């Protein structure tokens, strides 16, 4: 989906967006899907200097504040830290099953 944007992303913007989107999709698969038949939604919005990624899941959202933070040397669990570091902003829409991230990209 990211490769099909009407205005291509630069190499570093594309890499960051892929990593963020992959993490959000992985979280839905690991924490939001209860069966193989569950579906998720992915939306991508681009405007000058901004890319917004939104992933919706079938089940209730996890609370990012309740997820234990990992320490150096531990495997896994670094996804929300990646979202925080690579995104300009990210969040969970209250009352929905949607997580979003916004990245600053070259116009």
Protein backbone atom coordinates (compact mmCIF):
# COMPACT_ATOMS: atom_id res chain seq x y z
CA UNK A 1 0.00 0.00 0.00
CA UNK A 2 2.82 2.39 0.83
CA UNK A 3 4.47 1.80 -2.53
CA UNK A 4 1.22 2.68 -4.32
CA UNK A 5 1.00 6.25 -2.99
CA UNK A 6 0.56 8.77 -5.78
CA UNK A 7 3.68 10.65 -4.62
CA UNK A 8 6.38 8.16 -3.63
CA UNK A 9 8.09 8.46 -0.26
CA UNK A 10 11.83 9.05 0.01
CA UNK A 11 13.91 6.04 1.04
CA UNK A 12 14.18 6.94 4.71
CA UNK A 13 10.51 8.02 4.95
CA UNK A 14 9.44 4.77 3.28
CA UNK A 15 11.55 2.68 5.67
CA UNK A 16 10.16 4.46 8.75
CA UNK A 17 6.57 4.18 7.48
CA UNK A 18 7.01 0.46 6.71
CA UNK A 19 8.38 -0.20 10.18
CA UNK A 20 5.57 1.72 11.91
CA UNK A 21 2.82 0.17 9.79
CA UNK A 22 4.26 -3.33 10.21
CA UNK A 23 4.36 -2.88 13.97
CA UNK A 24 0.75 -1.68 14.11
CA UNK A 25 -0.45 -4.58 11.92
CA UNK A 26 1.55 -7.08 13.98
CA UNK A 27 -0.05 -5.79 17.18
CA UNK A 28 -3.51 -6.29 15.68
CA UNK A 29 -2.64 -9.86 14.70
CA UNK A 30 -1.11 -10.67 18.09
CA UNK A 31 -3.54 -8.81 20.36
CA UNK A 32 -6.73 -8.06 18.45
CA UNK A 33 -7.59 -11.05 16.31
CA UNK A 34 -9.22 -14.03 17.95
CA UNK A 35 -9.66 -16.19 14.83
CA UNK A 36 -8.32 -16.60 11.32
CA UNK A 37 -11.55 -15.09 9.97
CA UNK A 38 -11.04 -11.73 11.72
CA UNK A 39 -10.28 -8.82 9.43
CA UNK A 40 -8.39 -5.62 10.03
CA UNK A 41 -8.51 -2.32 8.22
CA UNK A 42 -5.56 -0.23 7.09
CA UNK A 43 -5.93 3.38 5.96
CA UNK A 44 -3.16 5.62 4.69
CA UNK A 45 -3.57 9.37 4.30
CA UNK A 46 -0.93 11.62 2.79
CA UNK A 47 -0.76 15.39 2.69
CA UNK A 48 2.12 17.82 2.23
CA UNK A 49 4.74 16.85 4.77
CA UNK A 50 2.57 14.33 6.63
CA UNK A 51 1.65 10.67 6.43
CA UNK A 52 -1.08 9.25 8.67
CA UNK A 53 -1.43 5.50 9.15
CA UNK A 54 -4.54 4.03 10.79
CA UNK A 55 -5.13 0.37 11.63
CA UNK A 56 -8.45 -0.92 12.94
CA UNK A 57 -8.93 -4.28 14.57
CA UNK A 58 -11.93 -6.51 15.20
CA UNK A 59 -11.53 -6.90 18.96
CA UNK A 60 -11.16 -4.37 21.76
CA UNK A 61 -7.94 -2.39 21.87
CA UNK A 62 -5.26 -3.07 24.38
CA UNK A 63 -4.31 -0.24 26.70
CA UNK A 64 -0.79 0.91 25.73
CA UNK A 65 -0.26 2.11 29.32
CA UNK A 66 -0.81 -1.45 30.60
CA UNK A 67 1.86 -3.03 28.41
CA UNK A 68 5.10 -3.56 30.35
CA UNK A 69 8.09 -1.72 28.92
CA UNK A 70 11.01 -3.89 27.90
CA UNK A 71 14.55 -3.54 29.12
CA UNK A 72 17.77 -3.89 27.17
CA UNK A 73 18.56 -7.51 26.40
CA UNK A 74 14.94 -8.66 26.43
CA UNK A 75 13.46 -10.00 23.20
CA UNK A 76 10.25 -8.56 21.75
CA UNK A 77 7.95 -5.92 23.11
CA UNK A 78 9.69 -2.94 21.54
CA UNK A 79 6.89 -2.00 19.15
CA UNK A 80 5.31 0.87 21.05
CA UNK A 81 8.76 2.35 21.63
CA UNK A 82 9.31 2.24 17.85
CA UNK A 83 5.97 3.98 17.29
CA UNK A 84 6.93 6.64 19.80
CA UNK A 85 10.38 7.23 18.31
CA UNK A 86 9.51 7.12 14.61
CA UNK A 87 6.15 8.92 14.69
CA UNK A 88 5.48 12.60 15.15
CA UNK A 89 2.37 11.54 17.06
CA UNK A 90 0.49 8.31 17.66
CA UNK A 91 -2.49 7.25 19.66
CA UNK A 92 -5.53 5.13 20.24
CA UNK A 93 -8.91 6.59 19.29
CA UNK A 94 -11.09 6.48 22.40
CA UNK A 95 -14.12 4.27 22.06
CA UNK A 96 -12.90 2.63 18.85
CA UNK A 97 -10.61 -0.21 17.88
CA UNK A 98 -8.21 2.04 15.96
CA UNK A 99 -4.56 2.88 16.43
CA UNK A 100 -3.00 5.65 14.37
CA UNK A 101 0.44 7.14 13.80
CA UNK A 102 1.47 10.29 12.01
CA UNK A 103 4.90 10.74 10.47
CA UNK A 104 6.57 13.80 9.05
CA UNK A 105 7.66 13.07 5.48
CA UNK A 106 9.24 15.01 2.64
CA UNK A 107 6.51 16.88 0.71
